[in-house]
PDB file of N, CA and C in Angstrom:
ATOM      1  N   MET A   1      20.111  67.077  12.999  1.00  0.00           N
ATOM      2  CA  MET A   1      20.203  67.692  14.313  1.00  0.00           C
ATOM      3  C   MET A   1      19.656  69.110  14.222  1.00  0.00           C
ATOM      4  N   ALA A   2      18.575  69.381  14.946  1.00  0.00           N
ATOM      5  CA  ALA A   2      17.947  70.699  14.947  1.00  0.00           C
ATOM      6  C   ALA A   2      18.625  71.604  15.972  1.00  0.00           C
ATOM      7  N   THR A   3      18.481  72.881  15.726  1.00  0.00           N
ATOM      8  CA  THR A   3      19.004  73.893  16.642  1.00  0.00           C
ATOM      9  C   THR A   3      17.835  74.664  17.224  1.00  0.00           C
ATOM     10  N   VAL A   4      17.931  74.998  18.506  1.00  0.00           N
ATOM     11  CA  VAL A   4      16.907  75.811  19.149  1.00  0.00           C
ATOM     12  C   VAL A   4      17.539  77.097  19.680  1.00  0.00           C
ATOM     13  N   ILE A   5      16.717  78.115  19.757  1.00  0.00           N
ATOM     14  CA  ILE A   5      17.141  79.384  20.349  1.00  0.00           C
ATOM     15  C   ILE A   5      16.446  79.485  21.697  1.00  0.00           C
ATOM     16  N   ILE A   6      17.240  79.668  22.728  1.00  0.00           N
ATOM     17  CA  ILE A   6      16.713  79.727  24.091  1.00  0.00           C
ATOM     18  C   ILE A   6      17.051  81.091  24.689  1.00  0.00           C
ATOM     19  N   ILE A   7      16.038  81.753  25.237  1.00  0.00           N
ATOM     20  CA  ILE A   7      16.257  82.993  25.976  1.00  0.00           C
ATOM     21  C   ILE A   7      15.937  82.702  27.438  1.00  0.00           C
ATOM     22  N   THR A   8      16.913  82.964  28.290  1.00  0.00           N
ATOM     23  CA  THR A   8      16.814  82.652  29.707  1.00  0.00           C
ATOM     24  C   THR A   8      16.980  83.930  30.523  1.00  0.00           C
ATOM     25  N   LYS A   9      16.187  84.069  31.562  1.00  0.00           N
ATOM     26  CA  LYS A   9      16.275  85.228  32.463  1.00  0.00           C
ATOM     27  C   LYS A   9      16.979  84.803  33.740  1.00  0.00           C
ATOM     28  N   LEU A  10      18.095  85.466  34.048  1.00  0.00           N
ATOM     29  CA  LEU A  10      18.841  85.212  35.273  1.00  0.00           C
ATOM     30  C   LEU A  10      18.628  86.389  36.216  1.00  0.00           C
ATOM     31  N   MET A  11      18.228  86.084  37.435  1.00  0.00           N
ATOM     32  CA  MET A  11      18.071  87.113  38.459  1.00  0.00           C
ATOM     33  C   MET A  11      19.205  86.975  39.465  1.00  0.00           C
ATOM     34  N   PRO A  12      19.983  88.052  39.656  1.00  0.00           N
ATOM     35  CA  PRO A  12      21.035  88.005  40.667  1.00  0.00           C
ATOM     36  C   PRO A  12      20.438  88.080  42.076  1.00  0.00           C
ATOM     37  N   GLU A  13      21.238  87.682  43.059  1.00  0.00           N
ATOM     38  CA  GLU A  13      20.780  87.685  44.443  1.00  0.00           C
ATOM     39  C   GLU A  13      20.507  89.081  44.969  1.00  0.00           C
ATOM     40  N   SER A  14      21.280  90.073  44.493  1.00  0.00           N
ATOM     41  CA  SER A  14      21.118  91.439  44.983  1.00  0.00           C
ATOM     42  C   SER A  14      21.631  92.424  43.935  1.00  0.00           C
ATOM     43  N   PRO A  15      21.309  93.712  44.098  1.00  0.00           N
ATOM     44  CA  PRO A  15      21.826  94.720  43.167  1.00  0.00           C
ATOM     45  C   PRO A  15      23.356  94.837  43.197  1.00  0.00           C
ATOM     46  N   GLU A  16      23.962  94.368  44.286  1.00  0.00           N
ATOM     47  CA  GLU A  16      25.426  94.454  44.417  1.00  0.00           C
ATOM     48  C   GLU A  16      26.155  93.298  43.738  1.00  0.00           C
ATOM     49  N   ALA A  17      25.447  92.333  43.219  1.00  0.00           N
ATOM     50  CA  ALA A  17      26.077  91.172  42.567  1.00  0.00           C
ATOM     51  C   ALA A  17      26.905  91.636  41.371  1.00  0.00           C
ATOM     52  N   ASP A  18      28.031  91.000  41.146  1.00  0.00           N
ATOM     53  CA  ASP A  18      28.937  91.343  40.045  1.00  0.00           C
ATOM     54  C   ASP A  18      28.386  90.758  38.743  1.00  0.00           C
ATOM     55  N   LEU A  19      27.679  91.587  37.979  1.00  0.00           N
ATOM     56  CA  LEU A  19      27.046  91.118  36.748  1.00  0.00           C
ATOM     57  C   LEU A  19      28.077  90.711  35.694  1.00  0.00           C
ATOM     58  N   ALA A  20      29.222  91.375  35.667  1.00  0.00           N
ATOM     59  CA  ALA A  20      30.266  91.029  34.696  1.00  0.00           C
ATOM     60  C   ALA A  20      30.768  89.603  34.941  1.00  0.00           C
ATOM     61  N   ALA A  21      30.935  89.238  36.198  1.00  0.00           N
ATOM     62  CA  ALA A  21      31.393  87.884  36.535  1.00  0.00           C
ATOM     63  C   ALA A  21      30.319  86.848  36.185  1.00  0.00           C
ATOM     64  N   ILE A  22      29.063  87.176  36.439  1.00  0.00           N
ATOM     65  CA  ILE A  22      27.967  86.266  36.100  1.00  0.00           C
ATOM     66  C   ILE A  22      27.893  86.079  34.591  1.00  0.00           C
ATOM     67  N   LYS A  23      28.028  87.166  33.841  1.00  0.00           N
ATOM     68  CA  LYS A  23      28.001  87.089  32.371  1.00  0.00           C
ATOM     69  C   LYS A  23      29.120  86.197  31.846  1.00  0.00           C
ATOM     70  N   ALA A  24      30.333  86.413  32.357  1.00  0.00           N
ATOM     71  CA  ALA A  24      31.489  85.640  31.897  1.00  0.00           C
ATOM     72  C   ALA A  24      31.305  84.152  32.198  1.00  0.00           C
ATOM     73  N   GLU A  25      30.797  83.846  33.380  1.00  0.00           N
ATOM     74  CA  GLU A  25      30.593  82.449  33.768  1.00  0.00           C
ATOM     75  C   GLU A  25      29.485  81.805  32.931  1.00  0.00           C
ATOM     76  N   ALA A  26      28.414  82.541  32.675  1.00  0.00           N
ATOM     77  CA  ALA A  26      27.321  82.020  31.855  1.00  0.00           C
ATOM     78  C   ALA A  26      27.819  81.727  30.442  1.00  0.00           C
ATOM     79  N   GLN A  27      28.571  82.637  29.874  1.00  0.00           N
ATOM     80  CA  GLN A  27      29.107  82.460  28.523  1.00  0.00           C
ATOM     81  C   GLN A  27      30.004  81.226  28.469  1.00  0.00           C
ATOM     82  N   SER A  28      30.889  81.095  29.422  1.00  0.00           N
ATOM     83  CA  SER A  28      31.821  79.972  29.468  1.00  0.00           C
ATOM     84  C   SER A  28      31.089  78.631  29.591  1.00  0.00           C
ATOM     85  N   ARG A  29      30.131  78.559  30.488  1.00  0.00           N
ATOM     86  CA  ARG A  29      29.407  77.301  30.711  1.00  0.00           C
ATOM     87  C   ARG A  29      28.582  76.896  29.492  1.00  0.00           C
ATOM     88  N   LEU A  30      27.934  77.863  28.860  1.00  0.00           N
ATOM     89  CA  LEU A  30      27.118  77.542  27.689  1.00  0.00           C
ATOM     90  C   LEU A  30      27.981  77.111  26.503  1.00  0.00           C
ATOM     91  N   GLU A  31      29.126  77.757  26.321  1.00  0.00           N
ATOM     92  CA  GLU A  31      30.026  77.372  25.229  1.00  0.00           C
ATOM     93  C   GLU A  31      30.520  75.943  25.410  1.00  0.00           C
ATOM     94  N   LYS A  32      30.811  75.539  26.650  1.00  0.00           N
ATOM     95  CA  LYS A  32      31.271  74.176  26.914  1.00  0.00           C
ATOM     96  C   LYS A  32      30.207  73.136  26.581  1.00  0.00           C
ATOM     97  N   GLU A  33      28.931  73.514  26.650  1.00  0.00           N
ATOM     98  CA  GLU A  33      27.828  72.596  26.353  1.00  0.00           C
ATOM     99  C   GLU A  33      27.344  72.698  24.910  1.00  0.00           C
ATOM    100  N   GLY A  34      28.052  73.477  24.082  1.00  0.00           N
ATOM    101  CA  GLY A  34      27.686  73.564  22.673  1.00  0.00           C
ATOM    102  C   GLY A  34      26.894  74.793  22.293  1.00  0.00           C
ATOM    103  N   GLY A  35      26.743  75.741  23.210  1.00  0.00           N
ATOM    104  CA  GLY A  35      26.020  76.975  22.914  1.00  0.00           C
ATOM    105  C   GLY A  35      26.780  77.838  21.921  1.00  0.00           C
ATOM    106  N   LYS A  36      26.043  78.460  21.005  1.00  0.00           N
ATOM    107  CA  LYS A  36      26.655  79.344  20.003  1.00  0.00           C
ATOM    108  C   LYS A  36      25.862  80.638  19.943  1.00  0.00           C
ATOM    109  N   ASN A  37      26.474  81.659  19.353  1.00  0.00           N
ATOM    110  CA  ASN A  37      25.821  82.958  19.181  1.00  0.00           C
ATOM    111  C   ASN A  37      25.229  83.460  20.491  1.00  0.00           C
ATOM    112  N   ILE A  38      26.009  83.415  21.545  1.00  0.00           N
ATOM    113  CA  ILE A  38      25.537  83.796  22.874  1.00  0.00           C
ATOM    114  C   ILE A  38      25.547  85.309  23.011  1.00  0.00           C
ATOM    115  N   SER A  39      24.426  85.859  23.441  1.00  0.00           N
ATOM    116  CA  SER A  39      24.360  87.288  23.737  1.00  0.00           C
ATOM    117  C   SER A  39      23.690  87.456  25.098  1.00  0.00           C
ATOM    118  N   ILE A  40      24.152  88.457  25.833  1.00  0.00           N
ATOM    119  CA  ILE A  40      23.626  88.703  27.176  1.00  0.00           C
ATOM    120  C   ILE A  40      23.277  90.179  27.297  1.00  0.00           C
ATOM    121  N   GLU A  41      22.039  90.440  27.730  1.00  0.00           N
ATOM    122  CA  GLU A  41      21.543  91.808  27.830  1.00  0.00           C
ATOM    123  C   GLU A  41      21.077  92.065  29.261  1.00  0.00           C
ATOM    124  N   GLU A  42      21.415  93.234  29.784  1.00  0.00           N
ATOM    125  CA  GLU A  42      20.961  93.652  31.109  1.00  0.00           C
ATOM    126  C   GLU A  42      19.670  94.451  30.957  1.00  0.00           C
ATOM    127  N   LYS A  43      18.701  94.163  31.822  1.00  0.00           N
ATOM    128  CA  LYS A  43      17.455  94.935  31.834  1.00  0.00           C
ATOM    129  C   LYS A  43      17.122  95.301  33.274  1.00  0.00           C
ATOM    130  N   PRO A  44      16.867  96.591  33.527  1.00  0.00           N
ATOM    131  CA  PRO A  44      16.517  96.993  34.894  1.00  0.00           C
ATOM    132  C   PRO A  44      15.177  96.407  35.334  1.00  0.00           C
ATOM    133  N   ILE A  45      15.113  96.010  36.602  1.00  0.00           N
ATOM    134  CA  ILE A  45      13.888  95.454  37.175  1.00  0.00           C
ATOM    135  C   ILE A  45      13.281  96.481  38.139  1.00  0.00           C
ATOM    136  N   ALA A  46      13.941  96.729  39.268  1.00  0.00           N
ATOM    137  CA  ALA A  46      13.471  97.708  40.253  1.00  0.00           C
ATOM    138  C   ALA A  46      14.544  97.915  41.316  1.00  0.00           C
ATOM    139  N   PHE A  47      14.588  99.106  41.866  1.00  0.00           N
ATOM    140  CA  PHE A  47      15.466  99.433  42.982  1.00  0.00           C
ATOM    141  C   PHE A  47      16.929  99.076  42.721  1.00  0.00           C
ATOM    142  N   GLY A  48      17.400  99.291  41.497  1.00  0.00           N
ATOM    143  CA  GLY A  48      18.791  99.020  41.147  1.00  0.00           C
ATOM    144  C   GLY A  48      19.083  97.587  40.734  1.00  0.00           C
ATOM    145  N   LEU A  49      18.115  96.712  40.857  1.00  0.00           N
ATOM    146  CA  LEU A  49      18.307  95.315  40.476  1.00  0.00           C
ATOM    147  C   LEU A  49      18.152  95.164  38.968  1.00  0.00           C
ATOM    148  N   LYS A  50      19.073  94.445  38.354  1.00  0.00           N
ATOM    149  CA  LYS A  50      19.030  94.212  36.912  1.00  0.00           C
ATOM    150  C   LYS A  50      18.994  92.713  36.647  1.00  0.00           C
ATOM    151  N   ALA A  51      18.167  92.319  35.687  1.00  0.00           N
ATOM    152  CA  ALA A  51      18.112  90.926  35.253  1.00  0.00           C
ATOM    153  C   ALA A  51      19.021  90.763  34.043  1.00  0.00           C
ATOM    154  N   LEU A  52      19.552  89.574  33.858  1.00  0.00           N
ATOM    155  CA  LEU A  52      20.348  89.262  32.680  1.00  0.00           C
ATOM    156  C   LEU A  52      19.535  88.338  31.784  1.00  0.00           C
ATOM    157  N   TYR A  53      19.389  88.739  30.531  1.00  0.00           N
ATOM    158  CA  TYR A  53      18.703  87.911  29.547  1.00  0.00           C
ATOM    159  C   TYR A  53      19.764  87.277  28.656  1.00  0.00           C
ATOM    160  N   VAL A  54      19.859  85.971  28.724  1.00  0.00           N
ATOM    161  CA  VAL A  54      20.879  85.217  28.001  1.00  0.00           C
ATOM    162  C   VAL A  54      20.216  84.525  26.816  1.00  0.00           C
ATOM    163  N   LYS A  55      20.690  84.840  25.616  1.00  0.00           N
ATOM    164  CA  LYS A  55      20.160  84.223  24.394  1.00  0.00           C
ATOM    165  C   LYS A  55      21.252  83.353  23.797  1.00  0.00           C
ATOM    166  N   THR A  56      20.900  82.107  23.466  1.00  0.00           N
ATOM    167  CA  THR A  56      21.891  81.196  22.908  1.00  0.00           C
ATOM    168  C   THR A  56      21.246  80.208  21.939  1.00  0.00           C
ATOM    169  N   ASP A  57      22.027  79.746  20.999  1.00  0.00           N
ATOM    170  CA  ASP A  57      21.629  78.656  20.106  1.00  0.00           C
ATOM    171  C   ASP A  57      22.209  77.376  20.702  1.00  0.00           C
ATOM    172  N   MET A  58      21.365  76.357  20.837  1.00  0.00           N
ATOM    173  CA  MET A  58      21.805  75.081  21.398  1.00  0.00           C
ATOM    174  C   MET A  58      21.287  73.944  20.533  1.00  0.00           C
ATOM    175  N   PRO A  59      22.006  72.821  20.504  1.00  0.00           N
ATOM    176  CA  PRO A  59      21.457  71.628  19.847  1.00  0.00           C
ATOM    177  C   PRO A  59      20.173  71.213  20.578  1.00  0.00           C
ATOM    178  N   GLU A  60      19.142  70.882  19.827  1.00  0.00           N
ATOM    179  CA  GLU A  60      17.831  70.580  20.417  1.00  0.00           C
ATOM    180  C   GLU A  60      17.878  69.416  21.401  1.00  0.00           C
ATOM    181  N   GLU A  61      18.712  68.427  21.128  1.00  0.00           N
ATOM    182  CA  GLU A  61      18.742  67.257  22.007  1.00  0.00           C
ATOM    183  C   GLU A  61      19.274  67.568  23.406  1.00  0.00           C
ATOM    184  N   LYS A  62      19.924  68.699  23.607  1.00  0.00           N
ATOM    185  CA  LYS A  62      20.408  69.079  24.940  1.00  0.00           C
ATOM    186  C   LYS A  62      19.241  69.407  25.869  1.00  0.00           C
ATOM    187  N   GLY A  63      18.156  69.959  25.323  1.00  0.00           N
ATOM    188  CA  GLY A  63      16.991  70.304  26.132  1.00  0.00           C
ATOM    189  C   GLY A  63      17.221  71.537  26.982  1.00  0.00           C
ATOM    190  N   THR A  64      16.168  71.945  27.684  1.00  0.00           N
ATOM    191  CA  THR A  64      16.264  73.150  28.512  1.00  0.00           C
ATOM    192  C   THR A  64      16.781  72.856  29.914  1.00  0.00           C
ATOM    193  N   ASP A  65      16.656  71.616  30.358  1.00  0.00           N
ATOM    194  CA  ASP A  65      17.094  71.279  31.715  1.00  0.00           C
ATOM    195  C   ASP A  65      18.575  71.545  31.917  1.00  0.00           C
ATOM    196  N   ILE A  66      19.381  71.198  30.926  1.00  0.00           N
ATOM    197  CA  ILE A  66      20.827  71.405  31.049  1.00  0.00           C
ATOM    198  C   ILE A  66      21.157  72.893  31.126  1.00  0.00           C
ATOM    199  N   VAL A  67      20.464  73.705  30.337  1.00  0.00           N
ATOM    200  CA  VAL A  67      20.702  75.155  30.349  1.00  0.00           C
ATOM    201  C   VAL A  67      20.320  75.734  31.704  1.00  0.00           C
ATOM    202  N   GLU A  68      19.149  75.357  32.204  1.00  0.00           N
ATOM    203  CA  GLU A  68      18.704  75.863  33.505  1.00  0.00           C
ATOM    204  C   GLU A  68      19.654  75.455  34.628  1.00  0.00           C
ATOM    205  N   SER A  69      20.071  74.213  34.660  1.00  0.00           N
ATOM    206  CA  SER A  69      20.942  73.753  35.740  1.00  0.00           C
ATOM    207  C   SER A  69      22.327  74.391  35.663  1.00  0.00           C
ATOM    208  N   LEU A  70      22.852  74.567  34.448  1.00  0.00           N
ATOM    209  CA  LEU A  70      24.157  75.221  34.298  1.00  0.00           C
ATOM    210  C   LEU A  70      24.121  76.650  34.829  1.00  0.00           C
ATOM    211  N   LEU A  71      23.088  77.379  34.450  1.00  0.00           N
ATOM    212  CA  LEU A  71      23.011  78.792  34.829  1.00  0.00           C
ATOM    213  C   LEU A  71      22.601  78.979  36.286  1.00  0.00           C
ATOM    214  N   ALA A  72      21.762  78.102  36.812  1.00  0.00           N
ATOM    215  CA  ALA A  72      21.316  78.220  38.203  1.00  0.00           C
ATOM    216  C   ALA A  72      22.444  77.973  39.199  1.00  0.00           C
ATOM    217  N   SER A  73      23.461  77.228  38.784  1.00  0.00           N
ATOM    218  CA  SER A  73      24.560  76.922  39.700  1.00  0.00           C
ATOM    219  C   SER A  73      25.662  77.981  39.700  1.00  0.00           C
ATOM    220  N   ILE A  74      25.481  79.061  38.942  1.00  0.00           N
ATOM    221  CA  ILE A  74      26.454  80.165  38.949  1.00  0.00           C
ATOM    222  C   ILE A  74      26.330  80.896  40.283  1.00  0.00           C
ATOM    223  N   PRO A  75      27.458  81.185  40.931  1.00  0.00           N
ATOM    224  CA  PRO A  75      27.400  81.919  42.206  1.00  0.00           C
ATOM    225  C   PRO A  75      26.691  83.267  42.050  1.00  0.00           C
ATOM    226  N   HIS A  76      25.884  83.614  43.039  1.00  0.00           N
ATOM    227  CA  HIS A  76      25.144  84.881  43.140  1.00  0.00           C
ATOM    228  C   HIS A  76      23.974  84.980  42.174  1.00  0.00           C
ATOM    229  N   VAL A  77      23.551  83.853  41.588  1.00  0.00           N
ATOM    230  CA  VAL A  77      22.338  83.835  40.770  1.00  0.00           C
ATOM    231  C   VAL A  77      21.208  83.300  41.647  1.00  0.00           C
ATOM    232  N   SER A  78      20.145  84.092  41.767  1.00  0.00           N
ATOM    233  CA  SER A  78      19.016  83.739  42.614  1.00  0.00           C
ATOM    234  C   SER A  78      18.038  82.803  41.912  1.00  0.00           C
ATOM    235  N   SER A  79      17.700  83.110  40.655  1.00  0.00           N
ATOM    236  CA  SER A  79      16.753  82.269  39.932  1.00  0.00           C
ATOM    237  C   SER A  79      17.022  82.298  38.435  1.00  0.00           C
ATOM    238  N   VAL A  80      16.554  81.254  37.763  1.00  0.00           N
ATOM    239  CA  VAL A  80      16.702  81.121  36.310  1.00  0.00           C
ATOM    240  C   VAL A  80      15.355  80.672  35.756  1.00  0.00           C
ATOM    241  N   THR A  81      14.879  81.376  34.730  1.00  0.00           N
ATOM    242  CA  THR A  81      13.640  80.972  34.071  1.00  0.00           C
ATOM    243  C   THR A  81      13.827  81.014  32.557  1.00  0.00           C
ATOM    244  N   ILE A  82      13.208  80.069  31.880  1.00  0.00           N
ATOM    245  CA  ILE A  82      13.228  80.062  30.422  1.00  0.00           C
ATOM    246  C   ILE A  82      12.138  81.017  29.948  1.00  0.00           C
ATOM    247  N   GLU A  83      12.529  82.062  29.243  1.00  0.00           N
ATOM    248  CA  GLU A  83      11.579  83.056  28.751  1.00  0.00           C
ATOM    249  C   GLU A  83      11.064  82.724  27.355  1.00  0.00           C
ATOM    250  N   ASP A  84      11.895  82.081  26.531  1.00  0.00           N
ATOM    251  CA  ASP A  84      11.490  81.770  25.159  1.00  0.00           C
ATOM    252  C   ASP A  84      12.297  80.570  24.669  1.00  0.00           C
ATOM    253  N   TYR A  85      11.648  79.737  23.862  1.00  0.00           N
ATOM    254  CA  TYR A  85      12.283  78.528  23.325  1.00  0.00           C
ATOM    255  C   TYR A  85      11.706  78.338  21.926  1.00  0.00           C
ATOM    256  N   ARG A  86      12.573  78.401  20.912  1.00  0.00           N
ATOM    257  CA  ARG A  86      12.109  78.278  19.525  1.00  0.00           C
ATOM    258  C   ARG A  86      13.066  77.428  18.713  1.00  0.00           C
ATOM    259  N   ARG A  87      12.494  76.667  17.826  1.00  0.00           N
ATOM    260  CA  ARG A  87      13.313  75.887  16.877  1.00  0.00           C
ATOM    261  C   ARG A  87      13.802  76.840  15.786  1.00  0.00           C
ATOM    262  N   ALA A  88      15.079  76.756  15.477  1.00  0.00           N
ATOM    263  CA  ALA A  88      15.679  77.617  14.448  1.00  0.00           C
ATOM    264  C   ALA A  88      15.697  76.866  13.109  1.00  0.00           C
ATOM    265  N   PHE A  89      15.484  77.585  12.038  1.00  0.00           N
ATOM    266  CA  PHE A  89      15.510  77.013  10.697  1.00  0.00           C
ATOM    267  C   PHE A  89      16.686  77.585   9.936  1.00  0.00           C
ATOM    268  N   GLY A  90      17.254  76.765   9.069  1.00  0.00           N
ATOM    269  CA  GLY A  90      18.299  77.256   8.173  1.00  0.00           C
ATOM    270  C   GLY A  90      19.655  76.885   8.530  1.00  0.00           C
TER     271      GLY A  90
END
């Protein structure tokens, strides 16, 4: 069973969105699906809007569709895109 590292960009609906709540929900949902070593970083975009970059290790057989659908269904998330996908060794 191979492991992949997935970096996903989450865009909130507005600058007023509660990023702490989105982070907590993303972490919880990914852990339930087997995600490990989850880290979430905020990066400014423009006009006070910040994107969340979610990095996680997942079993390869889960694929990216499950990650995208889990994160896209979080309240106040406008869009989800896969920024990077790599097979992990070791």
